[in-house]
Amino acid sequence: MALPADARHRWELDEGGTVEIADLGDALLIVPAGRGGLRNLLRDSIDDAGGYAKLAAEVAADEPDLA
């Protein structure tokens, strides 16, 4: 898979490297491997946003069919 040059430089993948990919249905989430892992990145982002319960409540308020 080819990544844009600016992403390769920023992630220090100029010489190649591994990435983790999450298929989100309509998009792919690509992160450099070995930097805490995709699961940890997502967990930290959820925690930074106030936790899963808060995010789920916000989604339920905005989209009752998803509750």
Protein backbone atom coordinates (compact mmCIF):
# COMPACT_ATOMS: atom_id res chain seq x y z
CA MET A 1 0.00 0.00 0.00
CA ALA A 2 1.35 3.44 -0.85
CA LEU A 3 0.98 6.30 1.61
CA PRO A 4 1.31 10.01 0.77
CA ALA A 5 4.86 11.31 1.12
CA ASP A 6 3.98 13.79 3.88
CA ALA A 7 2.48 10.98 6.01
CA ARG A 8 5.52 8.74 5.41
CA HIS A 9 7.86 11.54 6.51
CA ARG A 10 5.79 12.49 9.58
CA TRP A 11 5.50 8.84 10.70
CA GLU A 12 9.16 8.11 9.86
CA LEU A 13 8.19 5.44 7.35
CA ASP A 14 10.46 6.71 4.56
CA GLU A 15 12.31 3.40 4.45
CA GLY A 16 9.12 1.40 4.78
CA GLY A 17 7.48 0.08 7.89
CA THR A 18 4.34 -1.45 9.27
CA VAL A 19 0.99 0.15 9.96
CA GLU A 20 -2.22 -0.97 11.62
CA ILE A 21 -5.48 -0.59 9.73
CA ALA A 22 -9.05 -0.46 11.04
CA ASP A 23 -11.83 -0.85 8.47
CA LEU A 24 -14.57 1.58 9.53
CA GLY A 25 -16.91 0.64 6.71
CA ASP A 26 -16.78 3.86 4.68
CA ALA A 27 -13.16 4.65 5.54
CA LEU A 28 -9.89 3.16 6.71
CA LEU A 29 -8.04 4.33 9.82
CA ILE A 30 -4.29 3.87 9.33
CA VAL A 31 -1.77 4.37 12.17
CA PRO A 32 1.90 3.49 12.50
CA ALA A 33 2.40 0.12 14.21
CA GLY A 34 4.42 -0.26 17.37
CA ARG A 35 3.48 3.05 18.97
CA GLY A 36 1.07 1.71 21.55
CA GLY A 37 -1.13 -0.02 19.02
CA LEU A 38 -4.41 0.95 17.45
CA ARG A 39 -6.45 -0.37 20.39
CA ASN A 40 -4.50 1.82 22.83
CA LEU A 41 -4.81 4.85 20.56
CA LEU A 42 -8.59 4.42 20.41
CA ARG A 43 -8.85 3.79 24.16
CA ASP A 44 -6.85 6.95 24.91
CA SER A 45 -9.02 8.98 22.52
CA ILE A 46 -12.21 7.71 24.17
CA ASP A 47 -10.79 8.50 27.62
CA ASP A 48 -9.77 11.99 26.47
CA ALA A 49 -13.34 12.57 25.24
CA GLY A 50 -14.79 11.78 28.67
CA GLY A 51 -15.16 8.01 28.50
CA TYR A 52 -17.33 5.53 26.68
CA ALA A 53 -20.48 6.16 28.75
CA LYS A 54 -20.39 9.88 27.97
CA LEU A 55 -19.81 9.30 24.26
CA ALA A 56 -22.56 6.66 24.08
CA ALA A 57 -25.01 9.02 25.83
CA GLU A 58 -24.17 11.80 23.37
CA VAL A 59 -24.73 9.49 20.41
CA ALA A 60 -28.02 8.25 21.89
CA ALA A 61 -29.19 11.85 22.37
CA ASP A 62 -28.28 12.77 18.78
CA GLU A 63 -29.36 9.47 17.17
CA PRO A 64 -32.00 7.66 19.27
CA ASP A 65 -32.09 4.74 16.80
CA LEU A 66 -28.46 3.95 17.69
CA ALA A 67 -29.11 3.78 21.44
